[in-house]
N, C-alpha and C. Protein backbone atom coordinates (compact mmCIF):
# COMPACT_ATOMS: atom_id res chain seq x y z
N MET A 1 18.45 116.01 106.11
CA MET A 1 17.94 115.08 105.13
C MET A 1 19.11 114.52 104.33
N SER A 2 19.07 113.24 104.05
CA SER A 2 20.11 112.58 103.29
C SER A 2 19.55 112.14 101.95
N SER A 3 20.44 111.98 100.99
CA SER A 3 19.99 111.48 99.70
C SER A 3 20.90 110.33 99.28
N ILE A 4 20.31 109.33 98.64
CA ILE A 4 21.09 108.21 98.15
C ILE A 4 21.07 108.25 96.63
N ARG A 5 22.24 108.15 96.05
CA ARG A 5 22.38 108.15 94.61
C ARG A 5 22.61 106.71 94.17
N GLU A 6 22.01 106.31 93.08
CA GLU A 6 22.16 104.94 92.61
C GLU A 6 23.52 104.74 91.94
N GLU A 7 24.57 104.96 92.68
CA GLU A 7 25.93 104.77 92.19
C GLU A 7 26.49 103.56 92.92
N LYS A 8 26.56 102.42 92.24
CA LYS A 8 27.03 101.20 92.88
C LYS A 8 28.54 101.06 92.69
N PHE A 9 29.21 100.62 93.74
CA PHE A 9 30.65 100.39 93.67
C PHE A 9 31.02 99.35 94.72
N SER A 10 32.24 98.89 94.67
CA SER A 10 32.73 97.92 95.65
C SER A 10 33.97 98.46 96.33
N PHE A 11 34.18 98.05 97.57
CA PHE A 11 35.39 98.38 98.30
C PHE A 11 35.65 97.26 99.29
N THR A 12 36.72 97.36 100.05
CA THR A 12 37.02 96.29 101.01
C THR A 12 37.04 96.85 102.43
N ILE A 13 36.57 96.03 103.35
CA ILE A 13 36.68 96.32 104.79
C ILE A 13 37.39 95.12 105.37
N SER A 14 38.56 95.33 105.89
CA SER A 14 39.32 94.27 106.52
C SER A 14 39.47 93.06 105.60
N GLY A 15 39.69 93.34 104.30
CA GLY A 15 39.90 92.28 103.33
C GLY A 15 38.64 91.65 102.77
N HIS A 16 37.46 92.08 103.22
CA HIS A 16 36.20 91.55 102.73
C HIS A 16 35.63 92.51 101.68
N SER A 17 35.33 91.99 100.49
CA SER A 17 34.75 92.81 99.43
C SER A 17 33.30 93.13 99.79
N VAL A 18 32.94 94.41 99.62
CA VAL A 18 31.61 94.88 100.01
C VAL A 18 31.02 95.69 98.86
N LYS A 19 29.77 95.43 98.51
CA LYS A 19 29.06 96.23 97.53
C LYS A 19 28.34 97.35 98.27
N ALA A 20 28.30 98.55 97.66
CA ALA A 20 27.73 99.69 98.36
C ALA A 20 27.04 100.65 97.41
N LEU A 21 26.22 101.52 97.98
CA LEU A 21 25.62 102.66 97.29
C LEU A 21 26.20 103.92 97.91
N GLU A 22 26.30 104.98 97.13
CA GLU A 22 26.80 106.24 97.65
C GLU A 22 25.64 107.08 98.16
N ALA A 23 25.86 107.76 99.29
CA ALA A 23 24.84 108.67 99.85
C ALA A 23 25.53 109.93 100.34
N ILE A 24 24.76 111.00 100.42
CA ILE A 24 25.24 112.26 100.99
C ILE A 24 24.47 112.47 102.28
N VAL A 25 25.19 112.56 103.39
CA VAL A 25 24.56 112.75 104.70
C VAL A 25 24.60 114.24 105.03
N ALA A 26 23.45 114.82 105.30
CA ALA A 26 23.37 116.25 105.57
C ALA A 26 24.17 116.66 106.80
N GLU A 27 24.14 115.84 107.86
CA GLU A 27 24.89 116.17 109.07
C GLU A 27 25.30 114.88 109.78
N LEU A 28 26.56 114.82 110.17
CA LEU A 28 27.13 113.68 110.88
C LEU A 28 28.03 114.25 111.97
N GLU A 29 27.90 113.73 113.19
CA GLU A 29 28.73 114.24 114.28
C GLU A 29 29.79 113.21 114.64
N VAL A 30 31.06 113.65 114.64
CA VAL A 30 32.19 112.79 114.98
C VAL A 30 32.98 113.46 116.09
N GLU A 31 33.01 112.82 117.25
CA GLU A 31 33.75 113.34 118.39
C GLU A 31 33.42 114.81 118.67
N GLY A 32 32.13 115.15 118.60
CA GLY A 32 31.68 116.50 118.91
C GLY A 32 31.77 117.50 117.77
N GLU A 33 32.33 117.10 116.64
CA GLU A 33 32.44 118.00 115.50
C GLU A 33 31.38 117.64 114.47
N LYS A 34 30.59 118.65 114.07
CA LYS A 34 29.54 118.42 113.09
C LYS A 34 30.12 118.47 111.68
N LEU A 35 29.88 117.42 110.94
CA LEU A 35 30.31 117.34 109.55
C LEU A 35 29.07 117.49 108.69
N ARG A 36 29.16 118.32 107.69
CA ARG A 36 27.99 118.59 106.84
C ARG A 36 28.22 118.08 105.42
N TYR A 37 27.17 117.47 104.89
CA TYR A 37 27.13 117.00 103.50
C TYR A 37 28.33 116.12 103.16
N GLU A 38 28.51 115.09 103.95
CA GLU A 38 29.59 114.14 103.73
C GLU A 38 29.13 113.00 102.83
N PRO A 39 29.95 112.63 101.84
CA PRO A 39 29.62 111.44 101.05
C PRO A 39 29.95 110.19 101.88
N VAL A 40 29.05 109.22 101.87
CA VAL A 40 29.26 107.98 102.61
C VAL A 40 28.88 106.79 101.73
N ALA A 41 29.37 105.63 102.11
CA ALA A 41 29.00 104.38 101.44
C ALA A 41 27.97 103.68 102.31
N VAL A 42 26.87 103.26 101.71
CA VAL A 42 25.82 102.54 102.42
C VAL A 42 25.93 101.08 101.99
N SER A 43 26.18 100.18 102.96
CA SER A 43 26.37 98.78 102.60
C SER A 43 26.05 97.87 103.78
N GLU A 44 26.02 96.59 103.50
CA GLU A 44 25.90 95.58 104.54
C GLU A 44 27.32 95.24 104.99
N ILE A 45 27.61 95.44 106.25
CA ILE A 45 28.94 95.12 106.77
C ILE A 45 28.96 93.61 107.06
N PRO A 46 29.96 92.89 106.53
CA PRO A 46 30.03 91.45 106.75
C PRO A 46 30.06 91.08 108.23
N GLY A 47 29.44 89.94 108.58
CA GLY A 47 29.36 89.48 109.97
C GLY A 47 30.70 89.39 110.67
N LYS A 48 31.74 88.90 109.96
CA LYS A 48 33.06 88.78 110.58
C LYS A 48 33.63 90.14 110.95
N VAL A 49 33.35 91.15 110.10
CA VAL A 49 33.84 92.51 110.38
C VAL A 49 33.07 93.08 111.57
N LYS A 50 31.74 92.87 111.60
CA LYS A 50 30.94 93.34 112.74
C LYS A 50 31.43 92.71 114.04
N ASP A 51 31.75 91.42 114.00
CA ASP A 51 32.26 90.73 115.19
C ASP A 51 33.57 91.37 115.66
N ALA A 52 34.46 91.67 114.72
CA ALA A 52 35.74 92.28 115.07
C ALA A 52 35.54 93.68 115.66
N LEU A 53 34.62 94.46 115.08
CA LEU A 53 34.33 95.79 115.61
C LEU A 53 33.77 95.70 117.03
N ARG A 54 32.78 94.81 117.21
CA ARG A 54 32.18 94.62 118.54
C ARG A 54 33.21 94.20 119.58
N SER A 55 34.11 93.29 119.21
CA SER A 55 35.10 92.80 120.17
C SER A 55 36.08 93.89 120.60
N ASN A 56 36.15 94.97 119.82
CA ASN A 56 37.01 96.10 120.17
C ASN A 56 36.21 97.28 120.71
N ASN A 57 34.96 97.02 121.14
CA ASN A 57 34.07 98.06 121.68
C ASN A 57 33.84 99.20 120.71
N LEU A 58 33.72 98.88 119.41
CA LEU A 58 33.46 99.88 118.38
C LEU A 58 32.06 99.68 117.82
N ASP A 59 31.50 100.73 117.24
CA ASP A 59 30.17 100.65 116.64
C ASP A 59 30.24 99.71 115.45
N GLU A 60 29.37 98.73 115.41
CA GLU A 60 29.37 97.74 114.34
C GLU A 60 28.60 98.19 113.10
N ASN A 61 27.96 99.34 113.18
CA ASN A 61 27.12 99.80 112.07
C ASN A 61 27.73 100.93 111.26
N ILE A 62 28.74 101.60 111.79
CA ILE A 62 29.33 102.75 111.11
C ILE A 62 30.84 102.60 111.09
N VAL A 63 31.41 102.72 109.89
CA VAL A 63 32.86 102.71 109.73
C VAL A 63 33.22 104.01 109.03
N LEU A 64 34.04 104.85 109.66
CA LEU A 64 34.45 106.11 109.04
C LEU A 64 35.67 105.89 108.18
N GLY A 65 35.62 106.44 106.98
CA GLY A 65 36.77 106.36 106.09
C GLY A 65 37.81 107.41 106.46
N VAL A 66 39.02 107.15 106.07
CA VAL A 66 40.12 108.07 106.37
C VAL A 66 39.90 109.42 105.69
N LEU A 67 39.29 109.44 104.49
CA LEU A 67 39.08 110.71 103.80
C LEU A 67 38.18 111.65 104.58
N ILE A 68 37.13 111.13 105.21
CA ILE A 68 36.26 111.98 106.03
C ILE A 68 37.08 112.62 107.15
N MET A 69 37.92 111.82 107.79
CA MET A 69 38.73 112.34 108.89
C MET A 69 39.76 113.35 108.40
N GLU A 70 40.41 113.07 107.27
CA GLU A 70 41.42 113.99 106.75
C GLU A 70 40.83 115.34 106.40
N ARG A 71 39.62 115.35 105.81
CA ARG A 71 38.99 116.63 105.45
C ARG A 71 38.67 117.47 106.68
N ARG A 72 38.60 116.85 107.84
CA ARG A 72 38.31 117.56 109.09
C ARG A 72 39.53 117.69 109.99
N ASN A 73 40.72 117.50 109.41
CA ASN A 73 41.98 117.61 110.16
C ASN A 73 42.01 116.67 111.35
N MET A 74 41.58 115.44 111.13
CA MET A 74 41.61 114.42 112.17
C MET A 74 42.49 113.27 111.68
N THR A 75 43.03 112.52 112.63
CA THR A 75 43.80 111.32 112.30
C THR A 75 43.41 110.23 113.29
N PRO A 76 43.43 108.97 112.86
CA PRO A 76 43.12 107.90 113.82
C PRO A 76 44.22 107.81 114.87
N ASP A 77 43.86 107.83 116.13
CA ASP A 77 44.82 107.67 117.23
C ASP A 77 44.75 106.22 117.69
N THR A 78 45.76 105.43 117.35
CA THR A 78 45.73 104.00 117.66
C THR A 78 45.87 103.73 119.16
N ALA A 79 46.38 104.68 119.91
CA ALA A 79 46.53 104.49 121.36
C ALA A 79 45.17 104.57 122.07
N THR A 80 44.30 105.48 121.59
CA THR A 80 43.00 105.67 122.24
C THR A 80 41.85 105.04 121.46
N GLY A 81 42.08 104.76 120.17
CA GLY A 81 41.00 104.22 119.33
C GLY A 81 40.01 105.28 118.89
N LYS A 82 40.38 106.56 119.07
CA LYS A 82 39.48 107.66 118.71
C LYS A 82 40.19 108.60 117.74
N PRO A 83 39.41 109.38 116.98
CA PRO A 83 40.01 110.39 116.11
C PRO A 83 40.65 111.49 116.95
N ARG A 84 41.74 112.06 116.44
CA ARG A 84 42.43 113.15 117.14
C ARG A 84 42.61 114.31 116.17
N LYS A 85 42.30 115.53 116.63
CA LYS A 85 42.50 116.74 115.80
C LYS A 85 43.99 116.98 115.64
N VAL A 86 44.39 117.34 114.42
CA VAL A 86 45.79 117.64 114.14
C VAL A 86 45.87 118.93 113.34
N GLU A 87 47.03 119.55 113.38
CA GLU A 87 47.27 120.73 112.57
C GLU A 87 47.53 120.27 111.16
N SER A 88 46.99 120.97 110.17
CA SER A 88 47.19 120.56 108.80
C SER A 88 47.90 121.65 108.02
N PHE A 89 48.56 121.22 106.96
CA PHE A 89 49.27 122.13 106.08
C PHE A 89 48.84 121.87 104.65
N ILE A 90 48.65 122.91 103.89
CA ILE A 90 48.30 122.77 102.47
C ILE A 90 49.53 123.16 101.68
N PHE A 91 50.00 122.23 100.87
CA PHE A 91 51.19 122.50 100.06
C PHE A 91 50.81 122.86 98.66
């Protein structure tokens, strides 16, 4: 079960300003790894951004933020276009 909090904020996707609501997703699966209780932004993705995602064979409805990936020891692999598990260090 997910919950949406009425917390409005703005951010940018590919230079386009987007208004969003914050939500907590009970379970999200990324590359076979289950993520629990992740905060996400719920918004309308601009048409130009959806077109760019589609043209690169990416899901046009979901954009993962770098923070979600970092918390799971993942990094974007630009060669494959997929997240890659990495070893992490806490300083």
